[in-house]
Amino acid sequence: DSKWYAERTLDGTNQILHRLITALCSIKCISQAVALLQMFPNGSGYNFASRIVQEDPNALEATYFQFLWEVPFLELLIYVYNKHRDERKTNYLIQLMAER
């Protein structure tokens, strides 16, 4: 587990989310993990999401982008895919953000 998880006291719901996210990351379901990270209060999942997205942006599946509602998460993905010159994903994310 990352230091991000170790430094927090988790209630029951957050413990379940933590276990789900850990399991999803271990089986390389990064898109699903990022979607669940939005559910942590006060944006506390953003830093971990940022790390796993930037480690391997190609591991994310665009079909799951529709389940992202937090603007900072969408902005992160736009930044990462623009940096990697993936116009298709960048434009799709910009469209999703405009709908929010």
N, C-alpha and C. Protein backbone atom coordinates (compact mmCIF):
# COMPACT_ATOMS: atom_id res chain seq x y z
N ASP A 1 0.83 -1.20 0.00
CA ASP A 1 0.00 0.00 0.00
C ASP A 1 0.86 1.24 0.00
N SER A 2 0.29 2.30 -0.48
CA SER A 2 1.05 3.55 -0.55
C SER A 2 0.99 4.28 0.78
N LYS A 3 1.87 5.22 0.94
CA LYS A 3 1.89 6.06 2.14
C LYS A 3 0.58 6.83 2.26
N TRP A 4 -0.04 7.13 1.13
CA TRP A 4 -1.32 7.86 1.11
C TRP A 4 -2.35 7.14 1.95
N TYR A 5 -2.43 5.83 1.85
CA TYR A 5 -3.39 5.07 2.62
C TYR A 5 -2.96 4.94 4.08
N ALA A 6 -1.69 4.74 4.31
CA ALA A 6 -1.19 4.46 5.65
C ALA A 6 -1.38 5.64 6.60
N GLU A 7 -1.44 6.84 6.09
CA GLU A 7 -1.51 8.02 6.94
C GLU A 7 -2.93 8.39 7.35
N ARG A 8 -3.92 7.66 6.93
CA ARG A 8 -5.30 8.03 7.21
C ARG A 8 -5.99 7.01 8.09
N THR A 9 -6.84 7.52 8.96
CA THR A 9 -7.72 6.66 9.73
C THR A 9 -8.97 6.49 8.89
N LEU A 10 -9.34 5.27 8.59
CA LEU A 10 -10.44 5.02 7.69
C LEU A 10 -11.66 4.52 8.44
N ASP A 11 -12.84 5.07 8.14
CA ASP A 11 -14.07 4.51 8.69
C ASP A 11 -14.46 3.29 7.86
N GLY A 12 -15.57 2.65 8.19
CA GLY A 12 -15.96 1.41 7.52
C GLY A 12 -16.09 1.55 6.01
N THR A 13 -16.78 2.59 5.55
CA THR A 13 -16.98 2.78 4.11
C THR A 13 -15.65 3.02 3.41
N ASN A 14 -14.81 3.85 3.99
CA ASN A 14 -13.52 4.13 3.38
C ASN A 14 -12.61 2.91 3.40
N GLN A 15 -12.75 2.05 4.40
CA GLN A 15 -11.96 0.82 4.43
C GLN A 15 -12.35 -0.10 3.27
N ILE A 16 -13.65 -0.17 3.00
CA ILE A 16 -14.12 -0.98 1.88
C ILE A 16 -13.61 -0.41 0.57
N LEU A 17 -13.71 0.92 0.40
CA LEU A 17 -13.19 1.57 -0.81
C LEU A 17 -11.70 1.30 -0.96
N HIS A 18 -10.97 1.43 0.12
CA HIS A 18 -9.52 1.19 0.10
C HIS A 18 -9.23 -0.21 -0.40
N ARG A 19 -9.95 -1.21 0.11
CA ARG A 19 -9.71 -2.59 -0.30
C ARG A 19 -10.08 -2.81 -1.76
N LEU A 20 -11.19 -2.21 -2.19
CA LEU A 20 -11.59 -2.33 -3.59
C LEU A 20 -10.55 -1.70 -4.52
N ILE A 21 -10.09 -0.53 -4.17
CA ILE A 21 -9.11 0.18 -5.01
C ILE A 21 -7.80 -0.59 -5.06
N THR A 22 -7.37 -1.10 -3.92
CA THR A 22 -6.14 -1.90 -3.88
C THR A 22 -6.27 -3.13 -4.76
N ALA A 23 -7.42 -3.79 -4.67
CA ALA A 23 -7.64 -4.99 -5.49
C ALA A 23 -7.67 -4.64 -6.97
N LEU A 24 -8.36 -3.55 -7.31
CA LEU A 24 -8.44 -3.13 -8.72
C LEU A 24 -7.06 -2.79 -9.27
N CYS A 25 -6.25 -2.10 -8.50
CA CYS A 25 -4.90 -1.76 -8.95
C CYS A 25 -4.05 -3.02 -9.13
N SER A 26 -4.23 -3.98 -8.25
CA SER A 26 -3.42 -5.20 -8.34
C SER A 26 -3.76 -6.03 -9.57
N ILE A 27 -4.99 -5.90 -10.09
CA ILE A 27 -5.35 -6.64 -11.31
C ILE A 27 -5.37 -5.71 -12.54
N LYS A 28 -4.73 -4.55 -12.38
CA LYS A 28 -4.53 -3.60 -13.47
C LYS A 28 -5.83 -3.01 -14.02
N CYS A 29 -6.82 -2.83 -13.16
CA CYS A 29 -8.08 -2.17 -13.54
C CYS A 29 -8.01 -0.72 -13.05
N ILE A 30 -7.10 0.01 -13.65
CA ILE A 30 -6.79 1.36 -13.20
C ILE A 30 -7.96 2.32 -13.41
N SER A 31 -8.67 2.20 -14.50
CA SER A 31 -9.80 3.09 -14.78
C SER A 31 -10.87 2.99 -13.69
N GLN A 32 -11.16 1.77 -13.29
CA GLN A 32 -12.16 1.56 -12.26
C GLN A 32 -11.68 2.10 -10.92
N ALA A 33 -10.40 1.92 -10.63
CA ALA A 33 -9.82 2.43 -9.39
C ALA A 33 -9.90 3.96 -9.34
N VAL A 34 -9.59 4.61 -10.45
CA VAL A 34 -9.66 6.07 -10.51
C VAL A 34 -11.09 6.55 -10.27
N ALA A 35 -12.06 5.87 -10.85
CA ALA A 35 -13.46 6.25 -10.64
C ALA A 35 -13.83 6.14 -9.16
N LEU A 36 -13.39 5.10 -8.50
CA LEU A 36 -13.70 4.94 -7.08
C LEU A 36 -12.95 5.94 -6.20
N LEU A 37 -11.77 6.35 -6.60
CA LEU A 37 -11.01 7.30 -5.82
C LEU A 37 -11.73 8.64 -5.67
N GLN A 38 -12.65 8.93 -6.56
CA GLN A 38 -13.43 10.17 -6.45
C GLN A 38 -14.33 10.16 -5.21
N MET A 39 -14.61 9.00 -4.68
CA MET A 39 -15.56 8.86 -3.59
C MET A 39 -14.97 9.19 -2.22
N PHE A 40 -13.65 9.33 -2.15
CA PHE A 40 -13.04 9.72 -0.87
C PHE A 40 -13.35 11.19 -0.61
N PRO A 41 -13.62 11.53 0.65
CA PRO A 41 -14.02 12.91 0.98
C PRO A 41 -12.91 13.93 0.77
N ASN A 42 -13.32 15.14 0.46
CA ASN A 42 -12.40 16.29 0.35
C ASN A 42 -11.29 16.10 -0.67
N GLY A 43 -11.55 15.33 -1.71
CA GLY A 43 -10.55 15.15 -2.76
C GLY A 43 -9.32 14.40 -2.31
N SER A 44 -9.42 13.65 -1.21
CA SER A 44 -8.23 12.97 -0.67
C SER A 44 -7.73 11.84 -1.57
N GLY A 45 -8.51 11.42 -2.54
CA GLY A 45 -8.07 10.38 -3.46
C GLY A 45 -7.30 10.90 -4.65
N TYR A 46 -7.27 12.22 -4.81
CA TYR A 46 -6.67 12.82 -6.01
C TYR A 46 -5.18 12.49 -6.16
N ASN A 47 -4.42 12.61 -5.08
CA ASN A 47 -2.96 12.39 -5.20
C ASN A 47 -2.63 10.97 -5.63
N PHE A 48 -3.35 10.01 -5.06
CA PHE A 48 -3.10 8.63 -5.46
C PHE A 48 -3.53 8.41 -6.91
N ALA A 49 -4.68 8.99 -7.28
CA ALA A 49 -5.14 8.89 -8.67
C ALA A 49 -4.10 9.48 -9.61
N SER A 50 -3.57 10.62 -9.24
CA SER A 50 -2.56 11.28 -10.07
C SER A 50 -1.35 10.38 -10.28
N ARG A 51 -0.92 9.74 -9.22
CA ARG A 51 0.25 8.86 -9.32
C ARG A 51 -0.02 7.67 -10.24
N ILE A 52 -1.16 7.00 -10.04
CA ILE A 52 -1.39 5.80 -10.84
C ILE A 52 -1.71 6.13 -12.29
N VAL A 53 -2.32 7.29 -12.54
CA VAL A 53 -2.60 7.70 -13.92
C VAL A 53 -1.30 8.03 -14.64
N GLN A 54 -0.41 8.75 -13.98
CA GLN A 54 0.82 9.17 -14.64
C GLN A 54 1.82 8.02 -14.79
N GLU A 55 1.70 6.99 -13.96
CA GLU A 55 2.58 5.83 -14.10
C GLU A 55 2.36 5.12 -15.43
N ASP A 56 1.09 4.98 -15.81
CA ASP A 56 0.78 4.27 -17.05
C ASP A 56 -0.55 4.76 -17.62
N PRO A 57 -0.54 5.91 -18.30
CA PRO A 57 -1.79 6.45 -18.83
C PRO A 57 -2.44 5.55 -19.88
N ASN A 58 -1.67 4.70 -20.52
CA ASN A 58 -2.24 3.79 -21.51
C ASN A 58 -3.06 2.67 -20.88
N ALA A 59 -2.93 2.50 -19.57
CA ALA A 59 -3.69 1.46 -18.88
C ALA A 59 -5.16 1.86 -18.66
N LEU A 60 -5.45 3.13 -18.84
CA LEU A 60 -6.83 3.59 -18.63
C LEU A 60 -7.68 3.35 -19.87
N GLU A 61 -8.91 2.94 -19.62
CA GLU A 61 -9.85 2.68 -20.70
C GLU A 61 -10.81 3.86 -20.81
N ALA A 62 -10.91 4.43 -21.99
CA ALA A 62 -11.76 5.60 -22.21
C ALA A 62 -13.23 5.33 -21.93
N THR A 63 -13.65 4.09 -22.01
CA THR A 63 -15.06 3.78 -21.76
C THR A 63 -15.47 4.08 -20.32
N TYR A 64 -14.50 4.17 -19.41
CA TYR A 64 -14.81 4.47 -18.01
C TYR A 64 -14.76 5.97 -17.71
N PHE A 65 -14.31 6.78 -18.63
CA PHE A 65 -14.23 8.22 -18.39
C PHE A 65 -15.59 8.84 -18.10
N GLN A 66 -16.64 8.26 -18.64
CA GLN A 66 -17.98 8.78 -18.41
C GLN A 66 -18.39 8.71 -16.94
N PHE A 67 -17.69 7.91 -16.14
CA PHE A 67 -18.01 7.77 -14.73
C PHE A 67 -17.20 8.72 -13.85
N LEU A 68 -16.46 9.61 -14.47
CA LEU A 68 -15.71 10.62 -13.72
C LEU A 68 -16.54 11.89 -13.64
N TRP A 69 -16.76 12.36 -12.43
CA TRP A 69 -17.55 13.57 -12.25
C TRP A 69 -16.78 14.69 -11.56
N GLU A 70 -15.69 14.35 -10.90
CA GLU A 70 -14.88 15.37 -10.22
C GLU A 70 -14.00 16.09 -11.25
N VAL A 71 -14.18 17.39 -11.33
CA VAL A 71 -13.45 18.19 -12.32
C VAL A 71 -11.93 18.05 -12.18
N PRO A 72 -11.36 18.05 -10.97
CA PRO A 72 -9.90 17.88 -10.88
C PRO A 72 -9.40 16.56 -11.51
N PHE A 73 -10.19 15.50 -11.41
CA PHE A 73 -9.80 14.23 -12.01
C PHE A 73 -9.83 14.35 -13.54
N LEU A 74 -10.87 14.99 -14.05
CA LEU A 74 -10.96 15.20 -15.51
C LEU A 74 -9.81 16.08 -16.00
N GLU A 75 -9.52 17.14 -15.25
CA GLU A 75 -8.41 18.03 -15.62
C GLU A 75 -7.08 17.28 -15.63
N LEU A 76 -6.88 16.41 -14.65
CA LEU A 76 -5.67 15.60 -14.59
C LEU A 76 -5.53 14.75 -15.85
N LEU A 77 -6.60 14.07 -16.22
CA LEU A 77 -6.54 13.21 -17.41
C LEU A 77 -6.33 14.02 -18.68
N ILE A 78 -6.97 15.18 -18.77
CA ILE A 78 -6.75 16.05 -19.94
C ILE A 78 -5.28 16.44 -20.02
N TYR A 79 -4.71 16.83 -18.89
CA TYR A 79 -3.30 17.20 -18.87
C TYR A 79 -2.41 16.04 -19.33
N VAL A 80 -2.65 14.86 -18.75
CA VAL A 80 -1.81 13.70 -19.06
C VAL A 80 -1.92 13.31 -20.53
N TYR A 81 -3.15 13.24 -21.05
CA TYR A 81 -3.30 12.81 -22.44
C TYR A 81 -2.87 13.88 -23.43
N ASN A 82 -3.00 15.14 -23.06
CA ASN A 82 -2.48 16.20 -23.91
C ASN A 82 -0.94 16.13 -23.96
N LYS A 83 -0.34 15.86 -22.81
CA LYS A 83 1.12 15.71 -22.72
C LYS A 83 1.61 14.56 -23.60
N HIS A 84 0.81 13.49 -23.68
CA HIS A 84 1.17 12.32 -24.50
C HIS A 84 0.63 12.42 -25.92
N ARG A 85 0.07 13.57 -26.25
CA ARG A 85 -0.42 13.87 -27.60
C ARG A 85 -1.49 12.87 -28.08
N ASP A 86 -2.36 12.48 -27.16
CA ASP A 86 -3.48 11.61 -27.51
C ASP A 86 -4.71 12.50 -27.70
N GLU A 87 -4.87 12.97 -28.92
CA GLU A 87 -5.94 13.93 -29.22
C GLU A 87 -7.33 13.33 -29.03
N ARG A 88 -7.50 12.08 -29.35
CA ARG A 88 -8.82 11.45 -29.24
C ARG A 88 -9.29 11.46 -27.79
N LYS A 89 -8.46 11.00 -26.88
CA LYS A 89 -8.84 10.96 -25.46
C LYS A 89 -8.94 12.37 -24.88
N THR A 90 -8.02 13.25 -25.28
CA THR A 90 -8.07 14.63 -24.78
C THR A 90 -9.38 15.29 -25.18
N ASN A 91 -9.77 15.17 -26.44
CA ASN A 91 -11.01 15.80 -26.90
C ASN A 91 -12.24 15.18 -26.23
N TYR A 92 -12.22 13.89 -26.03
CA TYR A 92 -13.33 13.22 -25.35
C TYR A 92 -13.47 13.72 -23.91
N LEU A 93 -12.35 13.85 -23.21
CA LEU A 93 -12.38 14.35 -21.83
C LEU A 93 -12.84 15.80 -21.76
N ILE A 94 -12.42 16.60 -22.71
CA ILE A 94 -12.86 18.00 -22.74
C ILE A 94 -14.37 18.06 -22.96
N GLN A 95 -14.88 17.22 -23.82
CA GLN A 95 -16.32 17.14 -24.05
C GLN A 95 -17.06 16.73 -22.77
N LEU A 96 -16.53 15.74 -22.07
CA LEU A 96 -17.16 15.30 -20.82
C LEU A 96 -17.13 16.41 -19.77
N MET A 97 -16.02 17.12 -19.70
CA MET A 97 -15.92 18.20 -18.71
C MET A 97 -16.90 19.32 -19.01
N ALA A 98 -17.11 19.59 -20.29
CA ALA A 98 -18.06 20.64 -20.68
C ALA A 98 -19.49 20.27 -20.27
N GLU A 99 -19.76 18.96 -20.24
CA GLU A 99 -21.10 18.49 -19.85
C GLU A 99 -21.31 18.54 -18.35
N ARG A 100 -20.27 18.68 -17.59
CA ARG A 100 -20.41 18.69 -16.12
C ARG A 100 -20.85 20.02 -15.67
